[in-house]
N, C-alpha and C. Protein backbone atom coordinates (compact mmCIF):
# COMPACT_ATOMS: atom_id res chain seq x y z
N UNK A 1 115.73 104.66 92.11
CA UNK A 1 114.52 105.08 91.42
C UNK A 1 114.09 106.43 91.99
N UNK A 2 113.85 107.39 91.15
CA UNK A 2 113.47 108.72 91.62
C UNK A 2 112.00 108.72 92.04
N UNK A 3 111.61 109.79 92.75
CA UNK A 3 110.25 109.91 93.23
C UNK A 3 109.24 109.86 92.08
N UNK A 4 109.60 110.45 90.95
CA UNK A 4 108.69 110.49 89.80
C UNK A 4 108.49 109.10 89.21
N UNK A 5 109.55 108.28 89.22
CA UNK A 5 109.47 106.95 88.63
C UNK A 5 108.82 105.92 89.55
N UNK A 6 108.65 106.25 90.83
CA UNK A 6 108.08 105.32 91.78
C UNK A 6 106.66 104.93 91.37
N UNK A 7 106.27 103.69 91.67
CA UNK A 7 104.92 103.22 91.34
C UNK A 7 103.94 103.50 92.46
N UNK A 8 104.41 104.14 93.54
CA UNK A 8 103.56 104.44 94.68
C UNK A 8 103.37 105.95 94.80
N UNK A 9 102.12 106.37 94.94
CA UNK A 9 101.82 107.77 95.21
C UNK A 9 101.45 107.84 96.69
N UNK A 10 102.19 108.61 97.46
CA UNK A 10 101.95 108.71 98.89
C UNK A 10 101.02 109.87 99.21
N UNK A 11 100.59 109.91 100.47
CA UNK A 11 99.75 111.01 100.93
C UNK A 11 100.49 112.34 100.74
N UNK A 12 101.79 112.35 101.02
CA UNK A 12 102.59 113.57 100.83
C UNK A 12 102.60 114.00 99.37
N UNK A 13 102.68 113.05 98.44
CA UNK A 13 102.63 113.37 97.01
C UNK A 13 101.29 114.00 96.64
N UNK A 14 100.22 113.45 97.18
CA UNK A 14 98.88 113.99 96.90
C UNK A 14 98.77 115.41 97.45
N UNK A 15 99.27 115.61 98.67
CA UNK A 15 99.23 116.95 99.26
C UNK A 15 100.00 117.94 98.40
N UNK A 16 101.19 117.56 97.93
CA UNK A 16 101.99 118.43 97.06
C UNK A 16 101.22 118.79 95.79
N UNK A 17 100.64 117.79 95.13
CA UNK A 17 99.94 118.03 93.86
C UNK A 17 98.71 118.91 94.05
N UNK A 18 97.94 118.64 95.10
CA UNK A 18 96.73 119.43 95.34
C UNK A 18 97.10 120.86 95.72
N UNK A 19 98.12 121.01 96.56
CA UNK A 19 98.56 122.35 96.96
C UNK A 19 99.00 123.15 95.73
N UNK A 20 99.77 122.53 94.84
CA UNK A 20 100.22 123.22 93.63
C UNK A 20 99.05 123.58 92.72
N UNK A 21 98.05 122.70 92.63
CA UNK A 21 96.92 122.94 91.74
C UNK A 21 95.94 123.98 92.29
N UNK A 22 95.85 124.11 93.61
CA UNK A 22 94.84 124.99 94.20
C UNK A 22 95.39 126.31 94.72
N UNK A 23 96.69 126.37 94.95
CA UNK A 23 97.27 127.57 95.52
C UNK A 23 97.19 127.60 97.04
N UNK A 24 96.63 126.54 97.63
CA UNK A 24 96.61 126.44 99.09
C UNK A 24 98.01 126.08 99.57
N UNK A 25 98.28 126.36 100.84
CA UNK A 25 99.56 125.92 101.39
C UNK A 25 99.50 124.42 101.62
N UNK A 26 100.66 123.82 101.82
CA UNK A 26 100.68 122.38 102.10
C UNK A 26 99.98 122.07 103.42
N UNK A 27 100.12 122.94 104.40
CA UNK A 27 99.47 122.75 105.70
C UNK A 27 97.95 122.78 105.54
N UNK A 28 97.44 123.77 104.79
CA UNK A 28 96.00 123.86 104.55
C UNK A 28 95.49 122.65 103.78
N UNK A 29 96.25 122.24 102.79
CA UNK A 29 95.87 121.09 101.98
C UNK A 29 95.83 119.82 102.82
N UNK A 30 96.83 119.66 103.69
CA UNK A 30 96.86 118.48 104.55
C UNK A 30 95.66 118.45 105.48
N UNK A 31 95.25 119.60 105.99
CA UNK A 31 94.07 119.67 106.86
C UNK A 31 92.83 119.22 106.10
N UNK A 32 92.69 119.68 104.86
CA UNK A 32 91.53 119.31 104.04
C UNK A 32 91.55 117.80 103.74
N UNK A 33 92.69 117.28 103.34
CA UNK A 33 92.78 115.85 103.00
C UNK A 33 92.53 114.99 104.23
N UNK A 34 93.09 115.39 105.38
CA UNK A 34 92.83 114.65 106.62
C UNK A 34 91.35 114.68 106.97
N UNK A 35 90.70 115.82 106.72
CA UNK A 35 89.26 115.93 106.97
C UNK A 35 88.46 114.98 106.09
N UNK A 36 88.84 114.89 104.83
CA UNK A 36 88.15 113.98 103.91
C UNK A 36 88.35 112.54 104.36
N UNK A 37 89.59 112.18 104.67
CA UNK A 37 89.87 110.80 105.09
C UNK A 37 89.14 110.46 106.39
N UNK A 38 89.14 111.38 107.35
CA UNK A 38 88.46 111.12 108.62
C UNK A 38 86.95 110.98 108.44
N UNK A 39 86.38 111.75 107.51
CA UNK A 39 84.94 111.65 107.23
C UNK A 39 84.61 110.28 106.63
N UNK A 40 85.44 109.80 105.70
CA UNK A 40 85.22 108.48 105.10
C UNK A 40 85.37 107.40 106.16
N UNK A 41 86.42 107.48 106.97
CA UNK A 41 86.64 106.48 108.03
C UNK A 41 85.46 106.45 109.00
N UNK A 42 85.00 107.62 109.42
CA UNK A 42 83.88 107.71 110.36
C UNK A 42 82.62 107.09 109.76
N UNK A 43 82.35 107.37 108.50
CA UNK A 43 81.18 106.79 107.84
C UNK A 43 81.27 105.27 107.80
N UNK A 44 82.44 104.74 107.46
CA UNK A 44 82.62 103.28 107.40
C UNK A 44 82.47 102.66 108.78
N UNK A 45 82.99 103.33 109.81
CA UNK A 45 82.85 102.83 111.18
C UNK A 45 81.39 102.78 111.61
N UNK A 46 80.55 103.61 111.00
CA UNK A 46 79.12 103.61 111.28
C UNK A 46 78.33 102.81 110.25
N UNK A 47 79.05 101.96 109.51
CA UNK A 47 78.48 101.06 108.50
C UNK A 47 77.68 101.80 107.43
N UNK A 48 78.20 102.96 107.02
CA UNK A 48 77.58 103.73 105.95
C UNK A 48 78.44 103.63 104.69
N UNK A 49 77.79 103.79 103.55
CA UNK A 49 78.51 103.81 102.28
C UNK A 49 78.93 105.24 101.98
N UNK A 50 80.03 105.37 101.25
CA UNK A 50 80.49 106.69 100.82
C UNK A 50 80.62 106.64 99.30
N UNK A 51 79.82 107.45 98.62
CA UNK A 51 79.86 107.50 97.16
C UNK A 51 80.55 108.78 96.71
N UNK A 52 81.57 108.62 95.89
CA UNK A 52 82.23 109.75 95.26
C UNK A 52 82.00 109.59 93.76
N UNK A 53 81.04 110.33 93.24
CA UNK A 53 80.66 110.19 91.83
C UNK A 53 81.85 110.34 90.91
N UNK A 54 81.96 109.42 89.97
CA UNK A 54 83.06 109.45 89.02
C UNK A 54 84.34 108.83 89.56
N UNK A 55 84.34 108.44 90.84
CA UNK A 55 85.52 107.82 91.46
C UNK A 55 85.19 106.43 91.94
N UNK A 56 84.24 106.29 92.85
CA UNK A 56 83.88 104.97 93.33
C UNK A 56 83.12 105.03 94.64
N UNK A 57 82.88 103.84 95.19
CA UNK A 57 82.10 103.71 96.41
C UNK A 57 82.88 102.92 97.45
N UNK A 58 82.96 103.48 98.65
CA UNK A 58 83.55 102.78 99.79
C UNK A 58 82.41 102.16 100.58
N UNK A 59 82.64 100.98 101.11
CA UNK A 59 81.62 100.31 101.92
C UNK A 59 82.28 99.36 102.89
N UNK A 60 81.43 98.63 103.61
CA UNK A 60 81.89 97.64 104.58
C UNK A 60 81.17 96.33 104.28
N UNK A 61 81.92 95.22 104.27
CA UNK A 61 81.33 93.90 104.07
C UNK A 61 81.62 93.03 105.27
N UNK A 62 80.64 92.22 105.61
CA UNK A 62 80.81 91.27 106.71
C UNK A 62 81.41 89.98 106.15
N UNK A 63 82.43 89.49 106.81
CA UNK A 63 83.03 88.21 106.46
C UNK A 63 82.62 87.22 107.54
N UNK A 64 82.01 86.12 107.13
CA UNK A 64 81.59 85.09 108.07
C UNK A 64 82.80 84.37 108.65
N UNK A 65 82.63 83.78 109.84
CA UNK A 65 83.74 83.00 110.40
C UNK A 65 84.03 81.81 109.49
N UNK A 66 85.29 81.40 109.43
CA UNK A 66 85.62 80.26 108.59
C UNK A 66 86.87 79.56 109.10
N UNK A 67 87.03 78.36 108.60
CA UNK A 67 88.20 77.58 108.94
C UNK A 67 89.26 77.81 107.86
N UNK A 68 90.49 78.05 108.29
CA UNK A 68 91.58 78.28 107.34
C UNK A 68 92.76 77.43 107.76
N UNK A 69 93.83 77.51 107.01
CA UNK A 69 95.01 76.71 107.31
C UNK A 69 96.24 77.61 107.30
N UNK A 70 97.07 77.46 108.32
CA UNK A 70 98.35 78.16 108.38
C UNK A 70 99.27 77.51 107.36
N UNK A 71 99.69 78.25 106.32
CA UNK A 71 100.50 77.64 105.26
C UNK A 71 101.88 77.17 105.75
N UNK A 72 102.37 77.78 106.80
CA UNK A 72 103.69 77.40 107.31
C UNK A 72 103.69 76.10 108.06
N UNK A 73 102.64 75.89 108.89
CA UNK A 73 102.61 74.70 109.74
C UNK A 73 101.56 73.69 109.30
N UNK A 74 100.63 74.12 108.48
CA UNK A 74 99.54 73.23 108.07
C UNK A 74 98.45 73.13 109.14
N UNK A 75 98.63 73.86 110.23
CA UNK A 75 97.68 73.82 111.35
C UNK A 75 96.38 74.50 110.96
N UNK A 76 95.25 73.95 111.42
CA UNK A 76 93.94 74.54 111.17
C UNK A 76 93.78 75.75 112.08
N UNK A 77 93.31 76.84 111.49
CA UNK A 77 93.09 78.08 112.22
C UNK A 77 91.64 78.51 111.99
N UNK A 78 90.99 78.98 113.04
CA UNK A 78 89.61 79.46 112.89
C UNK A 78 89.62 80.98 112.87
N UNK A 79 89.10 81.53 111.79
CA UNK A 79 89.03 82.98 111.65
C UNK A 79 87.65 83.45 112.11
N UNK A 80 87.61 84.41 113.02
CA UNK A 80 86.32 84.88 113.51
C UNK A 80 85.59 85.75 112.48
N UNK A 81 84.33 85.99 112.76
CA UNK A 81 83.56 86.94 111.95
C UNK A 81 84.27 88.29 112.00
N UNK A 82 84.27 88.99 110.87
CA UNK A 82 84.92 90.30 110.83
C UNK A 82 84.29 91.16 109.75
N UNK A 83 84.59 92.43 109.83
CA UNK A 83 84.10 93.39 108.85
C UNK A 83 85.30 94.00 108.14
N UNK A 84 85.22 94.12 106.83
CA UNK A 84 86.34 94.65 106.07
C UNK A 84 85.88 95.80 105.18
N UNK A 85 86.70 96.85 105.08
CA UNK A 85 86.35 97.95 104.18
C UNK A 85 86.53 97.50 102.73
N UNK A 86 85.68 98.00 101.86
CA UNK A 86 85.76 97.66 100.44
C UNK A 86 85.75 98.93 99.61
N UNK A 87 86.21 98.81 98.38
CA UNK A 87 86.14 99.92 97.43
C UNK A 87 85.74 99.36 96.08
N UNK A 88 84.73 99.96 95.48
CA UNK A 88 84.30 99.58 94.14
C UNK A 88 84.47 100.80 93.24
N UNK A 89 85.40 100.72 92.27
CA UNK A 89 85.61 101.88 91.40
C UNK A 89 84.40 102.12 90.49
N UNK A 90 84.20 103.37 90.12
CA UNK A 90 83.11 103.70 89.20
C UNK A 90 83.47 103.23 87.80
N UNK A 91 82.47 103.12 86.96
CA UNK A 91 82.71 102.74 85.57
C UNK A 91 83.63 103.73 84.87
N UNK A 92 83.46 105.01 85.17
CA UNK A 92 84.29 106.05 84.57
C UNK A 92 85.75 105.88 84.98
N UNK A 93 86.00 105.61 86.26
CA UNK A 93 87.37 105.40 86.73
C UNK A 93 87.99 104.18 86.07
N UNK A 94 87.26 103.09 86.02
CA UNK A 94 87.77 101.86 85.36
C UNK A 94 88.11 102.14 83.90
N UNK A 95 87.21 102.84 83.23
CA UNK A 95 87.41 103.15 81.81
C UNK A 95 88.66 104.03 81.61
N UNK A 96 88.80 105.07 82.45
CA UNK A 96 89.94 105.97 82.32
C UNK A 96 91.27 105.27 82.61
N UNK A 97 91.30 104.42 83.63
CA UNK A 97 92.53 103.69 83.96
C UNK A 97 92.89 102.74 82.84
N UNK A 98 91.90 102.01 82.35
CA UNK A 98 92.15 101.07 81.26
C UNK A 98 92.67 101.78 80.02
N UNK A 99 92.02 102.88 79.69
CA UNK A 99 92.43 103.64 78.50
C UNK A 99 93.85 104.17 78.66
N UNK A 100 94.18 104.72 79.83
CA UNK A 100 95.52 105.28 80.07
C UNK A 100 96.60 104.20 80.02
N UNK A 101 96.31 103.04 80.61
CA UNK A 101 97.31 101.98 80.63
C UNK A 101 97.47 101.27 79.29
N UNK A 102 96.42 101.26 78.49
CA UNK A 102 96.50 100.64 77.16
C UNK A 102 97.34 101.49 76.22
N UNK A 103 97.39 102.81 76.47
CA UNK A 103 98.15 103.72 75.62
C UNK A 103 99.65 103.66 75.89
N UNK A 104 100.03 103.09 77.02
CA UNK A 104 101.45 103.03 77.39
C UNK A 104 102.15 101.89 76.73
């Protein structure tokens, strides 16, 4: 399967596309993308929401401790309280994805 046919878009693919669209070098583009990602990560680590209008909202949700079962052994496992990053797409993003995939 060629890179174009792959169902996964990697960070390197994003850097290539943005560099081609903006005229920045790949090194400059990577610095910018890393800056964006680090800013989002830092905000989530500080329990802040990140809103990107027209794209979606990143946030953090608390998961309460719970009892679970190991499917391999059937043994009861206790999962501690934890925090997980979440993403909620905007209505515009959902609409655009649905429209694009329905046309295929």
